[in-house]
């Protein structure tokens, strides 16, 4: 899967498979907390971008009543 394809993908299984592929191809690749945050942030952003492309309305967390959080 190319980087461009992955950033449009919202399938968690494919993101996990791609991560395992990266590690098998580059065993010295960092797996520290900051690298994991970056990886998961990209996956979350892909979902947000997919919703945006489909016109799904988003709500900022500060606009959601505390009772619904």
N, C-alpha and C. Protein backbone atom coordinates (compact mmCIF):
# COMPACT_ATOMS: atom_id res chain seq x y z
N UNK A 1 0.85 -1.17 0.00
CA UNK A 1 0.00 0.00 0.00
C UNK A 1 0.90 1.24 0.00
N UNK A 2 0.58 2.19 -0.83
CA UNK A 2 1.37 3.41 -0.87
C UNK A 2 0.99 4.32 0.31
N UNK A 3 1.84 5.30 0.59
CA UNK A 3 1.53 6.26 1.64
C UNK A 3 0.23 6.99 1.35
N UNK A 4 0.02 7.36 0.09
CA UNK A 4 -1.19 8.07 -0.30
C UNK A 4 -2.43 7.21 -0.08
N UNK A 5 -2.33 5.93 -0.40
CA UNK A 5 -3.47 5.02 -0.18
C UNK A 5 -3.74 4.85 1.31
N UNK A 6 -2.68 4.71 2.09
CA UNK A 6 -2.85 4.50 3.52
C UNK A 6 -3.50 5.70 4.18
N UNK A 7 -3.12 6.90 3.79
CA UNK A 7 -3.69 8.09 4.42
C UNK A 7 -5.16 8.30 4.05
N UNK A 8 -5.67 7.55 3.08
CA UNK A 8 -7.09 7.60 2.74
C UNK A 8 -7.84 6.40 3.29
N UNK A 9 -7.14 5.53 3.97
CA UNK A 9 -7.71 4.29 4.48
C UNK A 9 -8.19 4.47 5.92
N UNK A 10 -9.39 3.97 6.23
CA UNK A 10 -9.91 4.05 7.59
C UNK A 10 -10.04 2.67 8.23
N UNK A 11 -9.42 1.68 7.64
CA UNK A 11 -9.49 0.31 8.15
C UNK A 11 -8.34 0.07 9.13
N UNK A 12 -8.67 -0.11 10.40
CA UNK A 12 -7.65 -0.29 11.44
C UNK A 12 -6.79 -1.53 11.20
N UNK A 13 -7.37 -2.57 10.63
CA UNK A 13 -6.62 -3.79 10.35
C UNK A 13 -5.53 -3.51 9.33
N UNK A 14 -5.85 -2.74 8.30
CA UNK A 14 -4.85 -2.40 7.29
C UNK A 14 -3.76 -1.51 7.87
N UNK A 15 -4.12 -0.59 8.76
CA UNK A 15 -3.11 0.24 9.42
C UNK A 15 -2.17 -0.63 10.26
N UNK A 16 -2.74 -1.59 11.00
CA UNK A 16 -1.91 -2.48 11.81
C UNK A 16 -1.02 -3.36 10.92
N UNK A 17 -1.59 -3.90 9.85
CA UNK A 17 -0.79 -4.72 8.92
C UNK A 17 0.35 -3.91 8.32
N UNK A 18 0.07 -2.67 7.98
CA UNK A 18 1.10 -1.82 7.40
C UNK A 18 2.21 -1.54 8.42
N UNK A 19 1.82 -1.34 9.67
CA UNK A 19 2.82 -1.12 10.73
C UNK A 19 3.72 -2.34 10.87
N UNK A 20 3.12 -3.52 10.86
CA UNK A 20 3.93 -4.74 10.96
C UNK A 20 4.85 -4.90 9.75
N UNK A 21 4.37 -4.48 8.59
CA UNK A 21 5.21 -4.52 7.38
C UNK A 21 6.40 -3.57 7.52
N UNK A 22 6.15 -2.38 8.04
CA UNK A 22 7.23 -1.42 8.25
C UNK A 22 8.27 -2.02 9.18
N UNK A 23 7.82 -2.63 10.27
CA UNK A 23 8.76 -3.21 11.24
C UNK A 23 9.53 -4.40 10.67
N UNK A 24 8.88 -5.20 9.84
CA UNK A 24 9.59 -6.35 9.26
C UNK A 24 10.60 -5.91 8.21
N UNK A 25 10.28 -4.83 7.50
CA UNK A 25 11.18 -4.31 6.48
C UNK A 25 12.32 -3.49 7.09
N UNK A 26 12.02 -2.80 8.17
CA UNK A 26 12.98 -1.91 8.84
C UNK A 26 13.01 -2.24 10.34
N UNK A 27 13.67 -3.32 10.72
CA UNK A 27 13.63 -3.74 12.13
C UNK A 27 14.23 -2.72 13.10
N UNK A 28 15.01 -1.78 12.60
CA UNK A 28 15.60 -0.77 13.47
C UNK A 28 14.71 0.48 13.59
N UNK A 29 13.53 0.43 12.98
CA UNK A 29 12.60 1.56 13.03
C UNK A 29 12.19 1.80 14.48
N UNK A 30 12.12 3.05 14.92
CA UNK A 30 11.78 3.32 16.32
C UNK A 30 10.34 2.89 16.65
N UNK A 31 10.16 2.41 17.85
CA UNK A 31 8.82 2.01 18.33
C UNK A 31 8.52 2.68 19.67
N UNK A 32 9.15 3.82 19.90
CA UNK A 32 8.93 4.54 21.15
C UNK A 32 7.55 5.20 21.16
N UNK A 33 7.21 5.76 22.28
CA UNK A 33 5.89 6.38 22.48
C UNK A 33 5.60 7.47 21.44
N UNK A 34 6.56 8.33 21.17
CA UNK A 34 6.32 9.41 20.21
C UNK A 34 6.06 8.90 18.80
N UNK A 35 6.77 7.84 18.41
CA UNK A 35 6.53 7.25 17.09
C UNK A 35 5.12 6.65 17.04
N UNK A 36 4.71 6.00 18.12
CA UNK A 36 3.37 5.40 18.17
C UNK A 36 2.29 6.49 18.13
N UNK A 37 2.51 7.59 18.84
CA UNK A 37 1.55 8.69 18.80
C UNK A 37 1.42 9.22 17.38
N UNK A 38 2.54 9.38 16.69
CA UNK A 38 2.51 9.86 15.31
C UNK A 38 1.74 8.89 14.42
N UNK A 39 2.01 7.59 14.56
CA UNK A 39 1.34 6.58 13.73
C UNK A 39 -0.17 6.61 13.95
N UNK A 40 -0.59 6.60 15.23
CA UNK A 40 -2.02 6.58 15.52
C UNK A 40 -2.69 7.91 15.17
N UNK A 41 -1.98 9.00 15.31
CA UNK A 41 -2.53 10.30 14.92
C UNK A 41 -2.84 10.32 13.42
N UNK A 42 -1.95 9.74 12.64
CA UNK A 42 -2.21 9.67 11.19
C UNK A 42 -3.43 8.82 10.89
N UNK A 43 -3.59 7.72 11.60
CA UNK A 43 -4.77 6.87 11.38
C UNK A 43 -6.05 7.62 11.75
N UNK A 44 -6.03 8.32 12.88
CA UNK A 44 -7.20 9.09 13.30
C UNK A 44 -7.50 10.21 12.29
N UNK A 45 -6.47 10.88 11.84
CA UNK A 45 -6.66 11.96 10.86
C UNK A 45 -7.24 11.43 9.55
N UNK A 46 -6.84 10.22 9.16
CA UNK A 46 -7.39 9.62 7.94
C UNK A 46 -8.90 9.45 8.08
N UNK A 47 -9.35 9.05 9.26
CA UNK A 47 -10.79 8.92 9.50
C UNK A 47 -11.50 10.25 9.44
N UNK A 48 -10.90 11.26 10.05
CA UNK A 48 -11.48 12.60 10.01
C UNK A 48 -11.57 13.11 8.57
N UNK A 49 -10.48 12.95 7.83
CA UNK A 49 -10.46 13.40 6.43
C UNK A 49 -11.49 12.67 5.59
N UNK A 50 -11.68 11.38 5.85
CA UNK A 50 -12.68 10.61 5.12
C UNK A 50 -14.08 11.16 5.40
N UNK A 51 -14.36 11.45 6.65
CA UNK A 51 -15.65 12.05 6.99
C UNK A 51 -15.84 13.40 6.33
N UNK A 52 -14.79 14.20 6.29
CA UNK A 52 -14.85 15.51 5.65
C UNK A 52 -15.15 15.37 4.16
N UNK A 53 -14.47 14.41 3.51
CA UNK A 53 -14.71 14.19 2.07
C UNK A 53 -16.15 13.79 1.81
N UNK A 54 -16.73 13.04 2.74
CA UNK A 54 -18.11 12.58 2.57
C UNK A 54 -19.13 13.61 3.04
N UNK A 55 -18.64 14.70 3.61
CA UNK A 55 -19.54 15.76 4.06
C UNK A 55 -20.16 15.49 5.42
N UNK A 56 -19.53 14.64 6.22
CA UNK A 56 -20.04 14.36 7.55
C UNK A 56 -19.75 15.56 8.44
N UNK A 57 -20.77 16.04 9.12
CA UNK A 57 -20.59 17.20 9.99
C UNK A 57 -19.84 16.81 11.25
N UNK A 58 -18.91 17.63 11.65
CA UNK A 58 -18.17 17.40 12.88
C UNK A 58 -18.56 18.45 13.91
N UNK A 59 -18.39 18.10 15.16
CA UNK A 59 -18.70 19.01 16.25
C UNK A 59 -17.46 19.15 17.12
N UNK A 60 -17.07 20.38 17.38
CA UNK A 60 -15.94 20.60 18.26
C UNK A 60 -16.31 20.15 19.67
N UNK A 61 -15.38 19.53 20.36
CA UNK A 61 -15.66 18.99 21.69
C UNK A 61 -16.12 20.08 22.65
N UNK A 62 -15.64 21.30 22.50
CA UNK A 62 -16.06 22.35 23.42
C UNK A 62 -17.50 22.82 23.16
N UNK A 63 -18.09 22.36 22.05
CA UNK A 63 -19.48 22.70 21.75
C UNK A 63 -20.44 21.59 22.19
N UNK A 64 -19.90 20.45 22.62
CA UNK A 64 -20.73 19.33 23.05
C UNK A 64 -21.02 19.50 24.54
N UNK A 65 -22.28 19.42 24.92
CA UNK A 65 -22.60 19.54 26.35
C UNK A 65 -21.87 18.47 27.17
N UNK A 66 -21.43 18.83 28.35
CA UNK A 66 -20.69 17.88 29.20
C UNK A 66 -21.45 16.59 29.43
N UNK A 67 -22.76 16.66 29.48
CA UNK A 67 -23.57 15.47 29.72
C UNK A 67 -23.48 14.46 28.58
N UNK A 68 -23.03 14.88 27.39
CA UNK A 68 -22.92 13.98 26.24
C UNK A 68 -21.49 13.52 25.96
N UNK A 69 -20.53 13.94 26.79
CA UNK A 69 -19.13 13.54 26.56
C UNK A 69 -18.84 12.20 27.17
